[in-house]
Amino acid sequence: VQFVESGGGLVQAGGSLTLSCRASGFNFTRNPMSWYRQAPGKLRWWVAGVSTHGDETSYTDSVKGRFTISRDDAKRTVYLQMNNLTPDDTADYYCNAGYTRSTFSGWGRGTQVTVSS
């Protein structure tokens, strides 16, 4: 199982970023997918999940209305569109299979998001 996250960077508060995660090594189309983030010195937390086929999504309260998770099964890729970013969104972002809980114990390297005030 492999996850390769990309798309992070440095952005000013109020800005936007779109993260991508390409997955391999398991049946992507049969698994819901999710994003997590880990701020410096803190535990990794669930951020958003998307069902198989992409018809259902769920978000942690702090990102509702600002983040959008989506998937492209043909590309084996899950996305996280992040708008109106705040410094509290600063973290390393990771993806995994699963809807609200990670399926696999292995993780990718993540992609770093830094939001300046």
PDB file of N, CA and C in Angstrom:
ATOM      1  N   VAL A   1       0.852  -1.185   0.000  1.00  0.00           N
ATOM      2  CA  VAL A   1       0.000   0.000   0.000  1.00  0.00           C
ATOM      3  C   VAL A   1       0.894   1.244   0.000  1.00  0.00           C
ATOM      4  N   GLN A   2       0.544   2.191  -0.856  1.00  0.00           N
ATOM      5  CA  GLN A   2       1.345   3.414  -0.927  1.00  0.00           C
ATOM      6  C   GLN A   2       0.434   4.611  -1.133  1.00  0.00           C
ATOM      7  N   PHE A   3       0.750   5.690  -0.444  1.00  0.00           N
ATOM      8  CA  PHE A   3       0.065   6.960  -0.600  1.00  0.00           C
ATOM      9  C   PHE A   3       1.112   8.031  -0.897  1.00  0.00           C
ATOM     10  N   VAL A   4       0.850   8.832  -1.934  1.00  0.00           N
ATOM     11  CA  VAL A   4       1.765   9.913  -2.288  1.00  0.00           C
ATOM     12  C   VAL A   4       0.977  11.213  -2.321  1.00  0.00           C
ATOM     13  N   GLU A   5       1.184  12.020  -1.295  1.00  0.00           N
ATOM     14  CA  GLU A   5       0.483  13.295  -1.174  1.00  0.00           C
ATOM     15  C   GLU A   5       1.298  14.419  -1.818  1.00  0.00           C
ATOM     16  N   SER A   6       0.596  15.397  -2.352  1.00  0.00           N
ATOM     17  CA  SER A   6       1.257  16.545  -2.966  1.00  0.00           C
ATOM     18  C   SER A   6       0.321  17.745  -2.944  1.00  0.00           C
ATOM     19  N   GLY A   7       0.874  18.912  -3.268  1.00  0.00           N
ATOM     20  CA  GLY A   7       0.058  20.106  -3.398  1.00  0.00           C
ATOM     21  C   GLY A   7       0.162  21.094  -2.247  1.00  0.00           C
ATOM     22  N   GLY A   8       0.880  20.734  -1.209  1.00  0.00           N
ATOM     23  CA  GLY A   8       1.025  21.645  -0.088  1.00  0.00           C
ATOM     24  C   GLY A   8       1.914  22.823  -0.427  1.00  0.00           C
ATOM     25  N   GLY A   9       2.011  23.751   0.511  1.00  0.00           N
ATOM     26  CA  GLY A   9       2.851  24.919   0.298  1.00  0.00           C
ATOM     27  C   GLY A   9       2.586  25.977   1.335  1.00  0.00           C
ATOM     28  N   LEU A  10       3.154  27.136   1.078  1.00  0.00           N
ATOM     29  CA  LEU A  10       2.979  28.296   1.954  1.00  0.00           C
ATOM     30  C   LEU A  10       1.942  29.219   1.330  1.00  0.00           C
ATOM     31  N   VAL A  11       0.946  29.594   2.103  1.00  0.00           N
ATOM     32  CA  VAL A  11      -0.121  30.449   1.604  1.00  0.00           C
ATOM     33  C   VAL A  11      -0.521  31.430   2.692  1.00  0.00           C
ATOM     34  N   GLN A  12      -0.983  32.591   2.282  1.00  0.00           N
ATOM     35  CA  GLN A  12      -1.467  33.571   3.249  1.00  0.00           C
ATOM     36  C   GLN A  12      -2.868  33.207   3.724  1.00  0.00           C
ATOM     37  N   ALA A  13      -3.200  33.677   4.898  1.00  0.00           N
ATOM     38  CA  ALA A  13      -4.545  33.469   5.426  1.00  0.00           C
ATOM     39  C   ALA A  13      -5.574  33.986   4.421  1.00  0.00           C
ATOM     40  N   GLY A  14      -6.630  33.203   4.240  1.00  0.00           N
ATOM     41  CA  GLY A  14      -7.642  33.536   3.256  1.00  0.00           C
ATOM     42  C   GLY A  14      -7.403  32.914   1.890  1.00  0.00           C
ATOM     43  N   GLY A  15      -6.241  32.335   1.705  1.00  0.00           N
ATOM     44  CA  GLY A  15      -5.892  31.733   0.436  1.00  0.00           C
ATOM     45  C   GLY A  15      -6.429  30.316   0.283  1.00  0.00           C
ATOM     46  N   SER A  16      -6.072  29.701  -0.841  1.00  0.00           N
ATOM     47  CA  SER A  16      -6.573  28.369  -1.170  1.00  0.00           C
ATOM     48  C   SER A  16      -5.436  27.461  -1.628  1.00  0.00           C
ATOM     49  N   LEU A  17      -5.635  26.179  -1.419  1.00  0.00           N
ATOM     50  CA  LEU A  17      -4.739  25.140  -1.916  1.00  0.00           C
ATOM     51  C   LEU A  17      -5.573  23.919  -2.266  1.00  0.00           C
ATOM     52  N   THR A  18      -5.085  23.141  -3.220  1.00  0.00           N
ATOM     53  CA  THR A  18      -5.702  21.856  -3.521  1.00  0.00           C
ATOM     54  C   THR A  18      -4.650  20.768  -3.352  1.00  0.00           C
ATOM     55  N   LEU A  19      -4.928  19.844  -2.451  1.00  0.00           N
ATOM     56  CA  LEU A  19      -4.040  18.721  -2.204  1.00  0.00           C
ATOM     57  C   LEU A  19      -4.482  17.517  -3.035  1.00  0.00           C
ATOM     58  N   SER A  20      -3.508  16.707  -3.413  1.00  0.00           N
ATOM     59  CA  SER A  20      -3.778  15.469  -4.147  1.00  0.00           C
ATOM     60  C   SER A  20      -3.097  14.317  -3.434  1.00  0.00           C
ATOM     61  N   CYS A  21      -3.700  13.154  -3.551  1.00  0.00           N
ATOM     62  CA  CYS A  21      -3.105  11.954  -2.983  1.00  0.00           C
ATOM     63  C   CYS A  21      -3.356  10.801  -3.948  1.00  0.00           C
ATOM     64  N   ARG A  22      -2.270  10.251  -4.484  1.00  0.00           N
ATOM     65  CA  ARG A  22      -2.402   9.100  -5.367  1.00  0.00           C
ATOM     66  C   ARG A  22      -2.121   7.845  -4.565  1.00  0.00           C
ATOM     67  N   ALA A  23      -3.047   6.904  -4.653  1.00  0.00           N
ATOM     68  CA  ALA A  23      -2.957   5.674  -3.871  1.00  0.00           C
ATOM     69  C   ALA A  23      -2.680   4.481  -4.773  1.00  0.00           C
ATOM     70  N   SER A  24      -2.008   3.487  -4.233  1.00  0.00           N
ATOM     71  CA  SER A  24      -1.736   2.270  -4.982  1.00  0.00           C
ATOM     72  C   SER A  24      -1.599   1.102  -4.013  1.00  0.00           C
ATOM     73  N   GLY A  25      -1.695  -0.105  -4.558  1.00  0.00           N
ATOM     74  CA  GLY A  25      -1.477  -1.294  -3.743  1.00  0.00           C
ATOM     75  C   GLY A  25      -2.718  -1.893  -3.116  1.00  0.00           C
ATOM     76  N   PHE A  26      -3.884  -1.340  -3.406  1.00  0.00           N
ATOM     77  CA  PHE A  26      -5.143  -1.907  -2.892  1.00  0.00           C
ATOM     78  C   PHE A  26      -6.240  -1.525  -3.878  1.00  0.00           C
ATOM     79  N   ASN A  27      -7.433  -2.096  -3.682  1.00  0.00           N
ATOM     80  CA  ASN A  27      -8.544  -1.832  -4.579  1.00  0.00           C
ATOM     81  C   ASN A  27      -9.140  -0.460  -4.264  1.00  0.00           C
ATOM     82  N   PHE A  28      -8.687   0.548  -4.992  1.00  0.00           N
ATOM     83  CA  PHE A  28      -9.077   1.938  -4.702  1.00  0.00           C
ATOM     84  C   PHE A  28     -10.578   2.140  -4.830  1.00  0.00           C
ATOM     85  N   THR A  29     -11.166   1.613  -5.880  1.00  0.00           N
ATOM     86  CA  THR A  29     -12.583   1.882  -6.146  1.00  0.00           C
ATOM     87  C   THR A  29     -13.511   1.275  -5.105  1.00  0.00           C
ATOM     88  N   ARG A  30     -13.051   0.316  -4.362  1.00  0.00           N
ATOM     89  CA  ARG A  30     -13.898  -0.335  -3.359  1.00  0.00           C
ATOM     90  C   ARG A  30     -13.677   0.216  -1.966  1.00  0.00           C
ATOM     91  N   ASN A  31     -12.890   1.253  -1.840  1.00  0.00           N
ATOM     92  CA  ASN A  31     -12.594   1.818  -0.535  1.00  0.00           C
ATOM     93  C   ASN A  31     -12.986   3.286  -0.446  1.00  0.00           C
ATOM     94  N   PRO A  32     -13.660   3.679   0.638  1.00  0.00           N
ATOM     95  CA  PRO A  32     -13.771   5.109   0.895  1.00  0.00           C
ATOM     96  C   PRO A  32     -12.374   5.650   1.172  1.00  0.00           C
ATOM     97  N   MET A  33     -12.221   6.973   1.051  1.00  0.00           N
ATOM     98  CA  MET A  33     -10.916   7.596   1.272  1.00  0.00           C
ATOM     99  C   MET A  33     -11.055   8.791   2.212  1.00  0.00           C
ATOM    100  N   SER A  34      -9.987   9.167   2.833  1.00  0.00           N
ATOM    101  CA  SER A  34     -10.052  10.238   3.819  1.00  0.00           C
ATOM    102  C   SER A  34      -8.732  10.996   3.905  1.00  0.00           C
ATOM    103  N   TRP A  35      -8.840  12.199   4.418  1.00  0.00           N
ATOM    104  CA  TRP A  35      -7.686  13.058   4.676  1.00  0.00           C
ATOM    105  C   TRP A  35      -7.541  13.261   6.188  1.00  0.00           C
ATOM    106  N   TYR A  36      -6.284  13.393   6.615  1.00  0.00           N
ATOM    107  CA  TYR A  36      -5.948  13.627   8.011  1.00  0.00           C
ATOM    108  C   TYR A  36      -4.904  14.732   8.052  1.00  0.00           C
ATOM    109  N   ARG A  37      -4.735  15.329   9.218  1.00  0.00           N
ATOM    110  CA  ARG A  37      -3.673  16.314   9.357  1.00  0.00           C
ATOM    111  C   ARG A  37      -3.043  16.220  10.740  1.00  0.00           C
ATOM    112  N   GLN A  38      -1.785  16.602  10.774  1.00  0.00           N
ATOM    113  CA  GLN A  38      -1.028  16.570  12.016  1.00  0.00           C
ATOM    114  C   GLN A  38      -0.277  17.882  12.162  1.00  0.00           C
ATOM    115  N   ALA A  39      -0.703  18.686  13.129  1.00  0.00           N
ATOM    116  CA  ALA A  39      -0.032  19.946  13.412  1.00  0.00           C
ATOM    117  C   ALA A  39       1.213  19.661  14.245  1.00  0.00           C
ATOM    118  N   PRO A  40       2.165  20.566  14.231  1.00  0.00           N
ATOM    119  CA  PRO A  40       3.393  20.358  15.001  1.00  0.00           C
ATOM    120  C   PRO A  40       3.098  20.081  16.473  1.00  0.00           C
ATOM    121  N   GLY A  41       3.649  19.004  16.980  1.00  0.00           N
ATOM    122  CA  GLY A  41       3.483  18.659  18.382  1.00  0.00           C
ATOM    123  C   GLY A  41       2.144  18.069  18.752  1.00  0.00           C
ATOM    124  N   LYS A  42       1.319  17.768  17.752  1.00  0.00           N
ATOM    125  CA  LYS A  42      -0.019  17.241  18.031  1.00  0.00           C
ATOM    126  C   LYS A  42      -0.233  15.907  17.329  1.00  0.00           C
ATOM    127  N   LEU A  43      -1.293  15.233  17.712  1.00  0.00           N
ATOM    128  CA  LEU A  43      -1.626  13.960  17.100  1.00  0.00           C
ATOM    129  C   LEU A  43      -2.238  14.166  15.718  1.00  0.00           C
ATOM    130  N   ARG A  44      -2.205  13.139  14.907  1.00  0.00           N
ATOM    131  CA  ARG A  44      -2.856  13.165  13.606  1.00  0.00           C
ATOM    132  C   ARG A  44      -4.365  13.030  13.795  1.00  0.00           C
ATOM    133  N   TRP A  45      -5.147  13.910  13.129  1.00  0.00           N
ATOM    134  CA  TRP A  45      -6.598  13.912  13.265  1.00  0.00           C
ATOM    135  C   TRP A  45      -7.247  13.794  11.896  1.00  0.00           C
ATOM    136  N   TRP A  46      -8.408  13.174  11.905  1.00  0.00           N
ATOM    137  CA  TRP A  46      -9.221  13.050  10.705  1.00  0.00           C
ATOM    138  C   TRP A  46      -9.765  14.407  10.286  1.00  0.00           C
ATOM    139  N   VAL A  47      -9.763  14.674   8.985  1.00  0.00           N
ATOM    140  CA  VAL A  47     -10.258  15.945   8.462  1.00  0.00           C
ATOM    141  C   VAL A  47     -11.512  15.766   7.609  1.00  0.00           C
ATOM    142  N   ALA A  48     -11.471  14.794   6.690  1.00  0.00           N
ATOM    143  CA  ALA A  48     -12.592  14.637   5.769  1.00  0.00           C
ATOM    144  C   ALA A  48     -12.585  13.234   5.183  1.00  0.00           C
ATOM    145  N   GLY A  49     -13.756  12.750   4.800  1.00  0.00           N
ATOM    146  CA  GLY A  49     -13.884  11.444   4.173  1.00  0.00           C
ATOM    147  C   GLY A  49     -14.823  11.492   2.985  1.00  0.00           C
ATOM    148  N   VAL A  50     -14.572  10.621   2.021  1.00  0.00           N
ATOM    149  CA  VAL A  50     -15.439  10.504   0.843  1.00  0.00           C
ATOM    150  C   VAL A  50     -15.744   9.033   0.627  1.00  0.00           C
ATOM    151  N   SER A  51     -17.002   8.742   0.320  1.00  0.00           N
ATOM    152  CA  SER A  51     -17.428   7.359   0.150  1.00  0.00           C
ATOM    153  C   SER A  51     -16.932   6.799  -1.179  1.00  0.00           C
ATOM    154  N   THR A  52     -17.099   5.484  -1.350  1.00  0.00           N
ATOM    155  CA  THR A  52     -16.884   4.907  -2.663  1.00  0.00           C
ATOM    156  C   THR A  52     -17.874   5.561  -3.626  1.00  0.00           C
ATOM    157  N   HIS A  53     -17.470   5.792  -4.827  1.00  0.00           N
ATOM    158  CA  HIS A  53     -18.256   6.491  -5.853  1.00  0.00           C
ATOM    159  C   HIS A  53     -18.348   7.997  -5.609  1.00  0.00           C
ATOM    160  N   GLY A  54     -17.950   8.473  -4.441  1.00  0.00           N
ATOM    161  CA  GLY A  54     -17.907   9.904  -4.183  1.00  0.00           C
ATOM    162  C   GLY A  54     -19.230  10.569  -3.906  1.00  0.00           C
ATOM    163  N   ASP A  55     -20.274   9.806  -3.600  1.00  0.00           N
ATOM    164  CA  ASP A  55     -21.593  10.407  -3.429  1.00  0.00           C
ATOM    165  C   ASP A  55     -21.867  10.887  -2.013  1.00  0.00           C
ATOM    166  N   GLU A  56     -21.015  10.545  -1.073  1.00  0.00           N
ATOM    167  CA  GLU A  56     -21.175  11.021   0.301  1.00  0.00           C
ATOM    168  C   GLU A  56     -19.833  11.551   0.800  1.00  0.00           C
ATOM    169  N   THR A  57     -19.913  12.645   1.549  1.00  0.00           N
ATOM    170  CA  THR A  57     -18.715  13.222   2.156  1.00  0.00           C
ATOM    171  C   THR A  57     -19.000  13.599   3.599  1.00  0.00           C
ATOM    172  N   SER A  58     -17.949  13.710   4.377  1.00  0.00           N
ATOM    173  CA  SER A  58     -18.080  14.102   5.770  1.00  0.00           C
ATOM    174  C   SER A  58     -16.841  14.900   6.158  1.00  0.00           C
ATOM    175  N   TYR A  59     -17.036  15.885   7.066  1.00  0.00           N
ATOM    176  CA  TYR A  59     -15.950  16.782   7.443  1.00  0.00           C
ATOM    177  C   TYR A  59     -15.922  17.011   8.947  1.00  0.00           C
ATOM    178  N   THR A  60     -14.728  17.226   9.471  1.00  0.00           N
ATOM    179  CA  THR A  60     -14.639  17.673  10.840  1.00  0.00           C
ATOM    180  C   THR A  60     -15.195  19.101  10.910  1.00  0.00           C
ATOM    181  N   ASP A  61     -15.750  19.476  12.045  1.00  0.00           N
ATOM    182  CA  ASP A  61     -16.474  20.747  12.139  1.00  0.00           C
ATOM    183  C   ASP A  61     -15.637  21.958  11.740  1.00  0.00           C
ATOM    184  N   SER A  62     -14.368  21.941  12.067  1.00  0.00           N
ATOM    185  CA  SER A  62     -13.542  23.130  11.852  1.00  0.00           C
ATOM    186  C   SER A  62     -13.294  23.441  10.372  1.00  0.00           C
ATOM    187  N   VAL A  63     -13.557  22.506   9.484  1.00  0.00           N
ATOM    188  CA  VAL A  63     -13.302  22.753   8.063  1.00  0.00           C
ATOM    189  C   VAL A  63     -14.583  22.766   7.234  1.00  0.00           C
ATOM    190  N   LYS A  64     -15.711  22.493   7.848  1.00  0.00           N
ATOM    191  CA  LYS A  64     -16.976  22.478   7.105  1.00  0.00           C
ATOM    192  C   LYS A  64     -17.217  23.824   6.428  1.00  0.00           C
ATOM    193  N   GLY A  65     -17.608  23.768   5.166  1.00  0.00           N
ATOM    194  CA  GLY A  65     -17.865  24.977   4.409  1.00  0.00           C
ATOM    195  C   GLY A  65     -16.629  25.584   3.776  1.00  0.00           C
ATOM    196  N   ARG A  66     -15.450  25.080   4.138  1.00  0.00           N
ATOM    197  CA  ARG A  66     -14.204  25.609   3.574  1.00  0.00           C
ATOM    198  C   ARG A  66     -13.444  24.560   2.761  1.00  0.00           C
ATOM    199  N   PHE A  67     -13.517  23.308   3.170  1.00  0.00           N
ATOM    200  CA  PHE A  67     -12.790  22.229   2.497  1.00  0.00           C
ATOM    201  C   PHE A  67     -13.776  21.351   1.716  1.00  0.00           C
ATOM    202  N   THR A  68     -13.305  20.805   0.602  1.00  0.00           N
ATOM    203  CA  THR A  68     -14.098  19.876  -0.189  1.00  0.00           C
ATOM    204  C   THR A  68     -13.227  18.690  -0.581  1.00  0.00           C
ATOM    205  N   ILE A  69     -13.682  17.493  -0.221  1.00  0.00           N
ATOM    206  CA  ILE A  69     -12.970  16.274  -0.598  1.00  0.00           C
ATOM    207  C   ILE A  69     -13.649  15.668  -1.818  1.00  0.00           C
ATOM    208  N   SER A  70     -12.838  15.130  -2.717  1.00  0.00           N
ATOM    209  CA  SER A  70     -13.380  14.488  -3.908  1.00  0.00           C
ATOM    210  C   SER A  70     -12.412  13.390  -4.346  1.00  0.00           C
ATOM    211  N   ARG A  71     -12.844  12.578  -5.304  1.00  0.00           N
ATOM    212  CA  ARG A  71     -12.008  11.481  -5.766  1.00  0.00           C
ATOM    213  C   ARG A  71     -12.168  11.276  -7.256  1.00  0.00           C
ATOM    214  N   ASP A  72     -11.114  10.744  -7.853  1.00  0.00           N
ATOM    215  CA  ASP A  72     -11.127  10.370  -9.269  1.00  0.00           C
ATOM    216  C   ASP A  72     -10.650   8.931  -9.322  1.00  0.00           C
ATOM    217  N   ASP A  73     -11.581   8.002  -9.474  1.00  0.00           N
ATOM    218  CA  ASP A  73     -11.222   6.595  -9.432  1.00  0.00           C
ATOM    219  C   ASP A  73     -10.329   6.190 -10.594  1.00  0.00           C
ATOM    220  N   ALA A  74     -10.509   6.807 -11.743  1.00  0.00           N
ATOM    221  CA  ALA A  74      -9.680   6.471 -12.905  1.00  0.00           C
ATOM    222  C   ALA A  74      -8.210   6.810 -12.642  1.00  0.00           C
ATOM    223  N   LYS A  75      -7.981   7.835 -11.838  1.00  0.00           N
ATOM    224  CA  LYS A  75      -6.610   8.264 -11.522  1.00  0.00           C
ATOM    225  C   LYS A  75      -6.143   7.749 -10.161  1.00  0.00           C
ATOM    226  N   ARG A  76      -7.014   7.021  -9.470  1.00  0.00           N
ATOM    227  CA  ARG A  76      -6.700   6.503  -8.133  1.00  0.00           C
ATOM    228  C   ARG A  76      -6.233   7.643  -7.223  1.00  0.00           C
ATOM    229  N   THR A  77      -6.918   8.735  -7.306  1.00  0.00           N
ATOM    230  CA  THR A  77      -6.500   9.941  -6.610  1.00  0.00           C
ATOM    231  C   THR A  77      -7.654  10.550  -5.821  1.00  0.00           C
ATOM    232  N   VAL A  78      -7.340  11.020  -4.626  1.00  0.00           N
ATOM    233  CA  VAL A  78      -8.290  11.754  -3.802  1.00  0.00           C
ATOM    234  C   VAL A  78      -7.748  13.174  -3.629  1.00  0.00           C
ATOM    235  N   TYR A  79      -8.664  14.131  -3.623  1.00  0.00           N
ATOM    236  CA  TYR A  79      -8.303  15.540  -3.562  1.00  0.00           C
ATOM    237  C   TYR A  79      -8.882  16.191  -2.315  1.00  0.00           C
ATOM    238  N   LEU A  80      -8.248  17.285  -1.905  1.00  0.00           N
ATOM    239  CA  LEU A  80      -8.795  18.110  -0.837  1.00  0.00           C
ATOM    240  C   LEU A  80      -8.631  19.563  -1.257  1.00  0.00           C
ATOM    241  N   GLN A  81      -9.753  20.156  -1.648  1.00  0.00           N
ATOM    242  CA  GLN A  81      -9.762  21.575  -1.992  1.00  0.00           C
ATOM    243  C   GLN A  81      -9.951  22.359  -0.700  1.00  0.00           C
ATOM    244  N   MET A  82      -9.024  23.260  -0.409  1.00  0.00           N
ATOM    245  CA  MET A  82      -9.062  24.011   0.834  1.00  0.00           C
ATOM    246  C   MET A  82      -9.152  25.500   0.525  1.00  0.00           C
ATOM    247  N   ASN A  83     -10.222  26.113   0.994  1.00  0.00           N
ATOM    248  CA  ASN A  83     -10.439  27.543   0.778  1.00  0.00           C
ATOM    249  C   ASN A  83     -10.456  28.283   2.102  1.00  0.00           C
ATOM    250  N   ASN A  84     -10.265  29.596   2.016  1.00  0.00           N
ATOM    251  CA  ASN A  84     -10.310  30.455   3.203  1.00  0.00           C
ATOM    252  C   ASN A  84      -9.448  29.884   4.333  1.00  0.00           C
ATOM    253  N   LEU A  85      -8.224  29.570   4.003  1.00  0.00           N
ATOM    254  CA  LEU A  85      -7.317  28.952   4.967  1.00  0.00           C
ATOM    255  C   LEU A  85      -6.966  29.901   6.100  1.00  0.00           C
ATOM    256  N   THR A  86      -6.767  29.344   7.277  1.00  0.00           N
ATOM    257  CA  THR A  86      -6.356  30.094   8.460  1.00  0.00           C
ATOM    258  C   THR A  86      -5.074  29.485   9.030  1.00  0.00           C
ATOM    259  N   PRO A  87      -4.367  30.221   9.881  1.00  0.00           N
ATOM    260  CA  PRO A  87      -3.150  29.650  10.483  1.00  0.00           C
ATOM    261  C   PRO A  87      -3.418  28.338  11.227  1.00  0.00           C
ATOM    262  N   ASP A  88      -4.624  28.138  11.733  1.00  0.00           N
ATOM    263  CA  ASP A  88      -4.950  26.892  12.426  1.00  0.00           C
ATOM    264  C   ASP A  88      -4.965  25.685  11.487  1.00  0.00           C
ATOM    265  N   ASP A  89      -4.978  25.917  10.187  1.00  0.00           N
ATOM    266  CA  ASP A  89      -4.934  24.824   9.219  1.00  0.00           C
ATOM    267  C   ASP A  89      -3.501  24.364   8.945  1.00  0.00           C
ATOM    268  N   THR A  90      -2.530  25.053   9.499  1.00  0.00           N
ATOM    269  CA  THR A  90      -1.127  24.675   9.313  1.00  0.00           C
ATOM    270  C   THR A  90      -0.880  23.283   9.883  1.00  0.00           C
ATOM    271  N   ALA A  91      -0.392  22.381   9.036  1.00  0.00           N
ATOM    272  CA  ALA A  91      -0.187  20.987   9.438  1.00  0.00           C
ATOM    273  C   ALA A  91       0.409  20.218   8.266  1.00  0.00           C
ATOM    274  N   ASP A  92       0.832  19.003   8.559  1.00  0.00           N
ATOM    275  CA  ASP A  92       1.140  18.038   7.513  1.00  0.00           C
ATOM    276  C   ASP A  92      -0.144  17.270   7.217  1.00  0.00           C
ATOM    277  N   TYR A  93      -0.463  17.118   5.940  1.00  0.00           N
ATOM    278  CA  TYR A  93      -1.699  16.480   5.531  1.00  0.00           C
ATOM    279  C   TYR A  93      -1.400  15.113   4.906  1.00  0.00           C
ATOM    280  N   TYR A  94      -2.217  14.132   5.282  1.00  0.00           N
ATOM    281  CA  TYR A  94      -2.049  12.755   4.838  1.00  0.00           C
ATOM    282  C   TYR A  94      -3.384  12.196   4.356  1.00  0.00           C
ATOM    283  N   CYS A  95      -3.316  11.201   3.485  1.00  0.00           N
ATOM    284  CA  CYS A  95      -4.530  10.490   3.100  1.00  0.00           C
ATOM    285  C   CYS A  95      -4.393   9.022   3.482  1.00  0.00           C
ATOM    286  N   ASN A  96      -5.537   8.343   3.512  1.00  0.00           N
ATOM    287  CA  ASN A  96      -5.554   6.913   3.779  1.00  0.00           C
ATOM    288  C   ASN A  96      -6.891   6.396   3.285  1.00  0.00           C
ATOM    289  N   ALA A  97      -7.042   5.112   3.176  1.00  0.00           N
ATOM    290  CA  ALA A  97      -8.341   4.522   2.902  1.00  0.00           C
ATOM    291  C   ALA A  97      -9.169   4.582   4.178  1.00  0.00           C
ATOM    292  N   GLY A  98     -10.489   4.482   3.997  1.00  0.00           N
ATOM    293  CA  GLY A  98     -11.390   4.580   5.139  1.00  0.00           C
ATOM    294  C   GLY A  98     -12.196   5.855   5.063  1.00  0.00           C
ATOM    295  N   TYR A  99     -13.341   5.902   5.749  1.00  0.00           N
ATOM    296  CA  TYR A  99     -14.213   7.071   5.681  1.00  0.00           C
ATOM    297  C   TYR A  99     -13.954   8.050   6.823  1.00  0.00           C
ATOM    298  N   THR A 100     -14.001   7.575   8.054  1.00  0.00           N
ATOM    299  CA  THR A 100     -13.683   8.424   9.215  1.00  0.00           C
ATOM    300  C   THR A 100     -12.577   7.837  10.070  1.00  0.00           C
ATOM    301  N   ARG A 101     -12.084   6.691   9.630  1.00  0.00           N
ATOM    302  CA  ARG A 101     -10.992   6.065  10.354  1.00  0.00           C
ATOM    303  C   ARG A 101     -10.068   5.413   9.335  1.00  0.00           C
ATOM    304  N   SER A 102      -8.783   5.534   9.539  1.00  0.00           N
ATOM    305  CA  SER A 102      -7.829   4.998   8.563  1.00  0.00           C
ATOM    306  C   SER A 102      -7.883   3.481   8.530  1.00  0.00           C
ATOM    307  N   THR A 103      -7.806   2.959   7.295  1.00  0.00           N
ATOM    308  CA  THR A 103      -7.845   1.515   7.095  1.00  0.00           C
ATOM    309  C   THR A 103      -6.484   0.866   7.270  1.00  0.00           C
ATOM    310  N   PHE A 104      -5.475   1.525   6.749  1.00  0.00           N
ATOM    311  CA  PHE A 104      -4.144   0.939   6.728  1.00  0.00           C
ATOM    312  C   PHE A 104      -3.229   1.598   7.757  1.00  0.00           C
ATOM    313  N   SER A 105      -2.326   0.821   8.288  1.00  0.00           N
ATOM    314  CA  SER A 105      -1.394   1.345   9.290  1.00  0.00           C
ATOM    315  C   SER A 105      -0.280   2.160   8.646  1.00  0.00           C
ATOM    316  N   GLY A 106      -0.014   1.896   7.364  1.00  0.00           N
ATOM    317  CA  GLY A 106       1.035   2.636   6.688  1.00  0.00           C
ATOM    318  C   GLY A 106       0.543   3.982   6.187  1.00  0.00           C
ATOM    319  N   TRP A 107       1.421   4.941   6.195  1.00  0.00           N
ATOM    320  CA  TRP A 107       1.095   6.302   5.768  1.00  0.00           C
ATOM    321  C   TRP A 107       2.125   6.796   4.760  1.00  0.00           C
ATOM    322  N   GLY A 108       1.722   7.760   3.970  1.00  0.00           N
ATOM    323  CA  GLY A 108       2.674   8.406   3.074  1.00  0.00           C
ATOM    324  C   GLY A 108       3.504   9.433   3.824  1.00  0.00           C
ATOM    325  N   ARG A 109       4.293  10.198   3.072  1.00  0.00           N
ATOM    326  CA  ARG A 109       5.127  11.225   3.697  1.00  0.00           C
ATOM    327  C   ARG A 109       4.341  12.480   4.032  1.00  0.00           C
ATOM    328  N   GLY A 110       3.156  12.588   3.482  1.00  0.00           N
ATOM    329  CA  GLY A 110       2.356  13.772   3.743  1.00  0.00           C
ATOM    330  C   GLY A 110       2.792  14.951   2.891  1.00  0.00           C
ATOM    331  N   THR A 111       2.003  15.999   2.949  1.00  0.00           N
ATOM    332  CA  THR A 111       2.348  17.250   2.274  1.00  0.00           C
ATOM    333  C   THR A 111       2.120  18.385   3.269  1.00  0.00           C
ATOM    334  N   GLN A 112       3.082  19.270   3.340  1.00  0.00           N
ATOM    335  CA  GLN A 112       3.059  20.313   4.368  1.00  0.00           C
ATOM    336  C   GLN A 112       2.288  21.539   3.894  1.00  0.00           C
ATOM    337  N   VAL A 113       1.391  21.983   4.744  1.00  0.00           N
ATOM    338  CA  VAL A 113       0.626  23.202   4.489  1.00  0.00           C
ATOM    339  C   VAL A 113       0.954  24.204   5.587  1.00  0.00           C
ATOM    340  N   THR A 114       1.395  25.381   5.185  1.00  0.00           N
ATOM    341  CA  THR A 114       1.700  26.440   6.134  1.00  0.00           C
ATOM    342  C   THR A 114       0.900  27.673   5.761  1.00  0.00           C
ATOM    343  N   VAL A 115       0.114  28.156   6.699  1.00  0.00           N
ATOM    344  CA  VAL A 115      -0.722  29.326   6.460  1.00  0.00           C
ATOM    345  C   VAL A 115      -0.205  30.470   7.323  1.00  0.00           C
ATOM    346  N   SER A 116       0.199  31.536   6.686  1.00  0.00           N
ATOM    347  CA  SER A 116       0.721  32.691   7.408  1.00  0.00           C
ATOM    348  C   SER A 116      -0.393  33.696   7.670  1.00  0.00           C
ATOM    349  N   SER A 117      -0.265  34.387   8.800  1.00  0.00           N
ATOM    350  CA  SER A 117      -1.306  35.369   9.173  1.00  0.00           C
ATOM    351  C   SER A 117      -1.010  36.733   8.577  1.00  0.00           C
TER     352      SER A 117
END
